[in-house]
Amino acid sequence: MSELILYILLGCGTGMLAGMLGVGGGQIIVPGLIYVFYRQGVSNDALMHVAIGTSLAAIVFTSLSAIYAHHRRGAVLWKVFARFTPGILVGALAGALCADYLRSRELMILFGTVLIVLALQMLFEFSPKPSRQLPGGGALAATGAGVGYLSALVGIGGGSMIVPFLVWCNRPLPGAVATAAACGLPVALAGALGFAVAGWGNAGLPAWSSGYIHWPACLGIVAASMLTAPLGARLAHSLPTRTLKRLFAVFLMVAGARILAG
């Protein structure tokens, strides 16, 4: 029961931050699940794999809500999404299957490094200047494959990579954000499937798991985050968002450093 409460609290925090800052997903879920699964006694060999697989499964559900909200505003660039998706699906599935060949500690180092890079990007507000046009379908699919591969390896939706890329390619920021949110769905679907297949039959996993996906954690996080995300979105209009982003960046920096330190 105590683990379920922790899953719900983690989901509440994820939903609030996602609503306020337009962030969330794996950057919050994976560090929280590492802590909970460690307390739960999940074996060190599978700890990071279960955290990432469960994060991706949760992003499947939360991305559907984000896609609906952006689509209602007509912000999603669906033609760009369609060109990205084949590469994303292949890359994310490959990333998830390759993760099974890495030790938990190696995945932690990769994830901690990604967190610190994202924190620095947020702190210094790095954004490439629009300086080129969108490439053709083949190049977009290849870009999607790279995004999907890295995103699945660390359990995130890929928006932190897709948004700067689309802005660089002269796409408006609202459309870039909305399209990145939509791209989180194929990343999460293919990645979660890969982690489920890769972990199938592993004897060291907690009960109620499908491969590396732990369903009580996934469903607890999803239910809570969907309830609190609208509240976070309302608070975004009355709180200093820039200050909150910097505080969140500091949190990511500390979390990344702790994960790197083991």
Protein backbone atom coordinates (compact mmCIF):
# COMPACT_ATOMS: atom_id res chain seq x y z
CA MET A 1 0.00 0.00 0.00
CA SER A 2 2.83 2.43 0.81
CA GLU A 3 4.24 1.91 -2.71
CA LEU A 4 0.85 2.74 -4.25
CA ILE A 5 0.76 6.01 -2.29
CA LEU A 6 4.23 6.84 -3.59
CA TYR A 7 3.13 6.10 -7.17
CA ILE A 8 0.15 8.44 -6.76
CA LEU A 9 2.30 11.20 -5.22
CA LEU A 10 4.78 10.82 -8.08
CA GLY A 11 1.92 11.08 -10.57
CA CYS A 12 0.59 14.20 -8.86
CA GLY A 13 3.99 15.87 -9.10
CA THR A 14 4.40 14.81 -12.71
CA GLY A 15 1.00 16.19 -13.70
CA MET A 16 1.48 19.49 -11.87
CA LEU A 17 4.90 20.14 -13.42
CA ALA A 18 3.73 19.03 -16.86
CA GLY A 19 0.81 21.43 -16.67
CA MET A 20 2.85 24.36 -15.33
CA LEU A 21 6.01 24.02 -17.38
CA GLY A 22 5.19 21.83 -20.35
CA VAL A 23 7.74 19.28 -19.13
CA GLY A 24 7.46 15.98 -17.37
CA GLY A 25 7.45 12.43 -18.55
CA GLY A 26 10.62 10.52 -17.94
CA GLN A 27 12.60 13.42 -16.47
CA ILE A 28 10.39 13.17 -13.37
CA ILE A 29 9.03 9.63 -13.49
CA VAL A 30 12.31 7.72 -13.89
CA PRO A 31 14.16 9.29 -10.89
CA GLY A 32 11.05 8.78 -8.73
CA LEU A 33 10.68 5.15 -9.78
CA ILE A 34 14.37 4.43 -9.15
CA TYR A 35 13.79 5.46 -5.53
CA VAL A 36 10.50 3.55 -5.13
CA PHE A 37 11.72 0.36 -6.82
CA TYR A 38 14.92 0.41 -4.75
CA ARG A 39 12.79 0.59 -1.58
CA GLN A 40 10.62 -2.19 -2.99
CA GLY A 41 13.60 -4.51 -3.37
CA VAL A 42 13.74 -4.74 -7.16
CA SER A 43 17.07 -6.32 -8.10
CA ASN A 44 19.86 -3.93 -9.06
CA ASP A 45 20.23 -5.76 -12.38
CA ALA A 46 16.69 -4.83 -13.43
CA LEU A 47 16.14 -1.61 -11.44
CA MET A 48 16.80 0.91 -14.21
CA HIS A 49 15.18 -1.21 -16.91
CA VAL A 50 11.90 -1.41 -14.96
CA ALA A 51 11.98 2.33 -14.21
CA ILE A 52 12.47 3.21 -17.89
CA GLY A 53 9.99 0.65 -19.24
CA THR A 54 7.32 1.78 -16.78
CA SER A 55 7.99 5.43 -17.60
CA LEU A 56 7.48 4.79 -21.31
CA ALA A 57 4.24 2.89 -20.65
CA ALA A 58 2.96 5.84 -18.57
CA ILE A 59 3.90 8.30 -21.33
CA VAL A 60 1.67 6.33 -23.75
CA PHE A 61 -1.37 7.37 -21.71
CA THR A 62 -0.30 10.89 -20.76
CA SER A 63 0.69 11.76 -24.34
CA LEU A 64 -2.85 10.95 -25.55
CA SER A 65 -4.20 13.68 -23.28
CA ALA A 66 -1.56 16.15 -24.49
CA ILE A 67 -2.26 15.32 -28.16
CA TYR A 68 -5.99 15.92 -27.70
CA ALA A 69 -5.39 19.29 -26.03
CA HIS A 70 -2.99 20.48 -28.79
CA HIS A 71 -5.16 19.11 -31.60
CA ARG A 72 -8.18 21.06 -30.31
CA ARG A 73 -6.12 24.22 -30.80
CA GLY A 74 -5.09 23.11 -34.30
CA ALA A 75 -1.42 23.33 -33.32
CA VAL A 76 -0.11 19.88 -34.31
CA LEU A 77 1.82 19.79 -37.60
CA TRP A 78 0.37 16.46 -38.69
CA LYS A 79 2.31 16.22 -41.99
CA VAL A 80 5.58 16.64 -40.06
CA PHE A 81 4.40 14.10 -37.49
CA ALA A 82 3.62 11.58 -40.26
CA ARG A 83 7.16 11.93 -41.67
CA PHE A 84 8.78 11.61 -38.26
CA THR A 85 6.78 8.59 -37.10
CA PRO A 86 8.26 5.68 -39.15
CA GLY A 87 11.78 6.53 -38.01
CA ILE A 88 10.66 7.12 -34.42
CA LEU A 89 8.96 3.70 -34.26
CA VAL A 90 12.02 1.87 -35.58
CA GLY A 91 14.47 3.86 -33.45
CA ALA A 92 12.48 3.55 -30.23
CA LEU A 93 11.99 -0.20 -30.63
CA ALA A 94 15.71 -0.63 -31.36
CA GLY A 95 16.65 1.53 -28.37
CA ALA A 96 14.46 -0.48 -26.00
CA LEU A 97 15.84 -3.81 -27.23
CA CYS A 98 19.43 -2.54 -27.05
CA ALA A 99 18.86 -1.35 -23.47
CA ASP A 100 18.48 -4.97 -22.43
CA TYR A 101 22.17 -5.50 -23.26
CA LEU A 102 23.25 -2.68 -20.94
CA ARG A 103 23.67 -2.95 -17.18
CA SER A 104 21.47 -0.84 -14.91
CA ARG A 105 24.52 1.20 -13.92
CA GLU A 106 25.31 1.98 -17.56
CA LEU A 107 21.73 3.11 -18.15
CA MET A 108 21.92 5.25 -15.01
CA ILE A 109 25.05 7.00 -16.28
CA LEU A 110 23.37 7.69 -19.61
CA PHE A 111 20.17 8.92 -17.96
CA GLY A 112 22.03 11.11 -15.44
CA THR A 113 24.03 12.69 -18.25
CA VAL A 114 20.85 13.42 -20.23
CA LEU A 115 19.25 15.02 -17.16
CA ILE A 116 22.21 17.35 -16.68
CA VAL A 117 22.21 18.34 -20.38
CA LEU A 118 18.47 19.08 -20.21
CA ALA A 119 19.00 21.11 -17.02
CA LEU A 120 21.70 23.21 -18.66
CA GLN A 121 19.50 23.74 -21.71
CA MET A 122 16.68 24.95 -19.45
CA LEU A 123 18.89 27.14 -17.24
CA PHE A 124 20.56 28.96 -20.11
CA GLU A 125 17.42 28.90 -22.29
CA PHE A 126 19.27 27.55 -25.29
CA SER A 127 17.21 27.72 -28.45
CA PRO A 128 18.64 27.48 -31.96
CA LYS A 129 17.87 30.33 -34.33
CA PRO A 130 15.55 29.47 -37.22
CA SER A 131 18.09 29.15 -40.02
CA ARG A 132 17.00 26.42 -42.41
CA GLN A 133 13.98 24.72 -43.95
CA LEU A 134 12.50 21.37 -43.00
CA PRO A 135 14.37 18.50 -44.71
CA GLY A 136 12.73 15.86 -46.88
CA GLY A 137 10.88 12.77 -45.69
CA GLY A 138 13.94 10.51 -45.60
CA ALA A 139 15.98 12.95 -43.51
CA LEU A 140 13.03 13.49 -41.14
CA ALA A 141 12.62 9.74 -40.71
CA ALA A 142 16.35 9.40 -39.95
CA THR A 143 16.14 12.23 -37.43
CA GLY A 144 13.11 10.55 -35.88
CA ALA A 145 15.04 7.28 -35.62
CA GLY A 146 17.82 8.99 -33.68
CA VAL A 147 15.35 10.75 -31.38
CA GLY A 148 13.38 7.54 -30.83
CA TYR A 149 16.51 5.51 -30.09
CA LEU A 150 17.88 7.86 -27.41
CA SER A 151 14.44 8.59 -25.93
CA ALA A 152 13.66 4.89 -25.46
CA LEU A 153 17.09 4.25 -23.91
CA VAL A 154 16.39 6.78 -21.15
CA GLY A 155 12.57 6.63 -20.90
CA ILE A 156 11.58 10.12 -22.09
CA GLY A 157 9.17 11.35 -24.74
CA GLY A 158 11.72 13.08 -26.96
CA GLY A 159 10.20 16.57 -26.90
CA SER A 160 13.39 18.15 -25.58
CA MET A 161 15.08 17.13 -28.85
CA ILE A 162 12.22 17.58 -31.31
CA VAL A 163 11.23 21.11 -30.25
CA PRO A 164 14.70 22.68 -30.86
CA PHE A 165 15.01 20.80 -34.15
CA LEU A 166 11.68 22.09 -35.47
CA VAL A 167 12.39 25.65 -34.31
CA TRP A 168 15.75 25.43 -36.12
CA CYS A 169 13.78 24.40 -39.21
CA ASN A 170 11.65 27.58 -39.10
CA ARG A 171 8.56 26.04 -37.57
CA PRO A 172 6.66 28.24 -35.04
CA LEU A 173 7.22 27.38 -31.38
CA PRO A 174 3.56 26.47 -30.59
CA GLY A 175 3.51 24.06 -33.55
CA ALA A 176 6.90 22.63 -32.57
CA VAL A 177 5.74 22.00 -29.00
CA ALA A 178 2.44 20.46 -30.13
CA THR A 179 4.13 18.22 -32.71
CA ALA A 180 6.76 17.11 -30.18
CA ALA A 181 3.95 16.17 -27.78
CA ALA A 182 2.34 14.09 -30.54
CA CYS A 183 5.67 12.40 -31.31
CA GLY A 184 5.83 11.26 -27.70
CA LEU A 185 3.14 8.68 -28.49
CA PRO A 186 5.08 6.59 -31.06
CA VAL A 187 8.23 6.91 -28.94
CA ALA A 188 6.41 5.57 -25.91
CA LEU A 189 4.43 2.88 -27.76
CA ALA A 190 7.43 1.33 -29.51
CA GLY A 191 9.72 1.81 -26.51
CA ALA A 192 7.27 0.27 -24.05
CA LEU A 193 6.69 -2.67 -26.39
CA GLY A 194 10.43 -3.22 -26.66
CA PHE A 195 10.94 -3.15 -22.88
CA ALA A 196 8.01 -5.53 -22.38
CA VAL A 197 9.46 -8.02 -24.88
CA ALA A 198 13.05 -7.66 -23.65
CA GLY A 199 12.13 -8.28 -20.01
CA TRP A 200 9.63 -11.09 -20.58
CA GLY A 201 10.34 -14.05 -18.34
CA ASN A 202 12.89 -12.21 -16.17
CA ALA A 203 12.62 -13.78 -12.73
CA GLY A 204 13.84 -10.71 -10.82
CA LEU A 205 10.88 -8.46 -11.61
CA PRO A 206 8.13 -7.31 -9.21
CA ALA A 207 4.68 -8.89 -9.34
CA TRP A 208 2.14 -7.53 -11.86
CA SER A 209 4.79 -6.77 -14.45
CA SER A 210 4.80 -7.37 -18.21
CA GLY A 211 8.47 -7.65 -18.94
CA TYR A 212 10.05 -4.43 -17.70
CA ILE A 213 6.69 -2.64 -17.30
CA HIS A 214 5.30 -2.56 -13.74
CA TRP A 215 1.58 -1.93 -14.11
CA PRO A 216 0.64 -0.76 -10.57
CA ALA A 217 3.27 1.98 -10.84
CA CYS A 218 2.24 2.90 -14.39
CA LEU A 219 -1.49 3.13 -13.67
CA GLY A 220 -1.03 4.95 -10.35
CA ILE A 221 1.16 7.58 -12.01
CA VAL A 222 -1.16 7.99 -15.00
CA ALA A 223 -4.36 8.34 -12.94
CA ALA A 224 -2.85 10.95 -10.61
CA SER A 225 -1.07 12.94 -13.31
CA MET A 226 -4.19 13.26 -15.45
CA LEU A 227 -6.05 14.70 -12.46
CA THR A 228 -3.38 17.27 -11.55
CA ALA A 229 -2.19 18.36 -15.03
CA PRO A 230 -5.20 20.70 -15.58
CA LEU A 231 -4.53 22.30 -12.19
CA GLY A 232 -0.90 22.82 -13.15
CA ALA A 233 -1.99 24.43 -16.42
CA ARG A 234 -4.21 26.89 -14.53
CA LEU A 235 -1.43 27.73 -12.06
CA ALA A 236 0.90 28.46 -14.99
CA HIS A 237 -1.05 31.67 -15.62
CA SER A 238 -0.60 32.97 -12.06
CA LEU A 239 2.91 31.75 -11.10
CA PRO A 240 6.33 32.99 -12.32
CA THR A 241 6.90 30.28 -14.93
CA ARG A 242 10.46 31.37 -15.74
CA THR A 243 11.48 31.09 -12.08
CA LEU A 244 9.76 27.70 -11.81
CA LYS A 245 11.63 26.45 -14.89
CA ARG A 246 14.93 27.45 -13.35
CA LEU A 247 14.06 25.72 -10.09
CA PHE A 248 13.07 22.63 -12.03
CA ALA A 249 16.37 22.79 -13.92
CA VAL A 250 18.20 22.83 -10.57
CA PHE A 251 16.17 19.78 -9.53
CA LEU A 252 17.17 18.00 -12.74
CA MET A 253 20.81 18.91 -12.15
CA VAL A 254 20.77 17.53 -8.60
CA ALA A 255 18.87 14.40 -9.65
CA GLY A 256 21.29 13.80 -12.53
CA ALA A 257 24.31 14.26 -10.27
CA ARG A 258 22.91 11.87 -7.64
CA ILE A 259 22.18 9.24 -10.27
CA LEU A 260 25.68 9.58 -11.72
CA ALA A 261 27.11 9.23 -8.21
CA GLY A 262 25.19 5.99 -7.77
